[in-house]
Amino acid sequence: MAALKAAVVIMGIMIVAGFAVLVGTLVTRMGGRGGPAAPVAATLDEPAGTRITGVSANAEHLAVSLQGAGPDRVVVLDLRNGRVVARASLAR
């Protein structure tokens, strides 16, 4: 009887430890390291009448498609610091 109680206690501890490892692995793989990122403010120096027509992002950059007040263009921002890293415009 004592051996059965010991086996149940040990298996319970193993289940709890396994669950903790599973949760820790999921949090790490989902980018939970370091807490939430600080918000980044960015100012686009675009002329009046410019409107945003599309936005696309990946882990490091944000691409903003712009129209109006000149040729259509795309501005790429670095999400870590909010700086413009590239500009591309279409000739009219």
Protein backbone atom coordinates (compact mmCIF):
# COMPACT_ATOMS: atom_id res chain seq x y z
CA MET A 1 0.00 0.00 0.00
CA ALA A 2 2.84 2.40 0.85
CA ALA A 3 4.48 1.68 -2.51
CA LEU A 4 1.24 2.57 -4.33
CA LYS A 5 0.95 5.87 -2.44
CA ALA A 6 4.56 6.72 -3.26
CA ALA A 7 4.02 5.91 -6.95
CA VAL A 8 0.90 8.13 -7.10
CA VAL A 9 2.73 11.04 -5.43
CA ILE A 10 5.75 10.70 -7.73
CA MET A 11 3.57 10.51 -10.85
CA GLY A 12 1.60 13.57 -9.72
CA ILE A 13 4.82 15.53 -9.29
CA MET A 14 5.98 14.40 -12.75
CA ILE A 15 2.69 15.55 -14.33
CA VAL A 16 2.92 19.00 -12.69
CA ALA A 17 6.60 19.38 -13.70
CA GLY A 18 5.84 18.30 -17.27
CA PHE A 19 3.00 20.80 -17.51
CA ALA A 20 5.28 23.58 -16.24
CA VAL A 21 7.91 22.71 -18.87
CA LEU A 22 5.23 22.69 -21.59
CA VAL A 23 3.89 26.11 -20.60
CA GLY A 24 7.40 27.55 -20.34
CA THR A 25 8.31 26.25 -23.80
CA LEU A 26 5.13 27.66 -25.36
CA VAL A 27 5.69 31.10 -23.81
CA THR A 28 9.30 31.18 -25.00
CA ARG A 29 8.47 30.11 -28.56
CA MET A 30 5.62 32.60 -28.84
CA GLY A 31 7.99 35.48 -28.11
CA GLY A 32 7.21 35.90 -24.44
CA ARG A 33 10.85 36.57 -23.57
CA GLY A 34 11.40 40.01 -22.09
CA GLY A 35 7.77 41.04 -21.76
CA PRO A 36 5.87 43.26 -24.15
CA ALA A 37 7.78 45.55 -26.47
CA ALA A 38 7.76 49.25 -25.77
CA PRO A 39 5.59 51.22 -28.19
CA VAL A 40 7.48 53.04 -30.93
CA ALA A 41 6.33 56.41 -32.26
CA ALA A 42 7.13 57.27 -35.87
CA THR A 43 6.45 60.45 -37.80
CA LEU A 44 6.30 60.30 -41.57
CA ASP A 45 7.43 63.56 -43.16
CA GLU A 46 4.91 63.51 -46.01
CA PRO A 47 3.14 66.42 -47.71
CA ALA A 48 -0.46 67.38 -46.93
CA GLY A 49 -3.00 65.34 -48.84
CA THR A 50 -1.08 62.08 -48.46
CA ARG A 51 -3.18 59.09 -47.44
CA ILE A 52 -2.22 55.61 -46.30
CA THR A 53 -3.53 52.95 -48.68
CA GLY A 54 -1.96 49.85 -47.16
CA VAL A 55 0.21 48.52 -44.37
CA SER A 56 2.26 45.33 -44.16
CA ALA A 57 4.53 44.17 -41.34
CA ASN A 58 6.96 41.44 -40.40
CA ALA A 59 8.97 40.95 -37.20
CA GLU A 60 11.36 43.86 -37.87
CA HIS A 61 9.81 46.23 -40.43
CA LEU A 62 6.56 48.00 -41.29
CA ALA A 63 5.85 48.92 -44.93
CA VAL A 64 3.37 51.76 -45.46
CA SER A 65 1.88 52.34 -48.92
CA LEU A 66 1.08 56.03 -49.58
CA GLN A 67 -0.86 57.87 -52.29
CA GLY A 68 -1.59 61.52 -53.05
CA ALA A 69 0.49 64.70 -52.97
CA GLY A 70 2.98 63.28 -55.46
CA PRO A 71 3.77 59.87 -56.89
CA ASP A 72 2.59 56.69 -55.18
CA ARG A 73 5.22 55.47 -52.78
CA VAL A 74 6.15 52.94 -50.09
CA VAL A 75 7.96 53.85 -46.87
CA VAL A 76 9.62 51.12 -44.79
CA LEU A 77 10.01 51.73 -41.04
CA ASP A 78 12.19 49.88 -38.53
CA LEU A 79 9.87 48.71 -35.72
CA ARG A 80 12.61 48.80 -33.09
CA ASN A 81 13.27 52.53 -33.30
CA GLY A 82 10.60 54.00 -35.62
CA ARG A 83 13.11 55.28 -38.19
CA VAL A 84 12.54 55.24 -41.94
CA VAL A 85 14.94 52.68 -43.47
CA ALA A 86 13.80 52.82 -47.10
CA ARG A 87 11.62 54.78 -49.51
CA ALA A 88 10.43 53.68 -52.93
CA SER A 89 8.32 55.78 -55.28
CA LEU A 90 6.68 55.18 -58.62
CA ALA A 91 7.32 57.70 -61.38
CA ARG A 92 4.19 59.29 -62.83
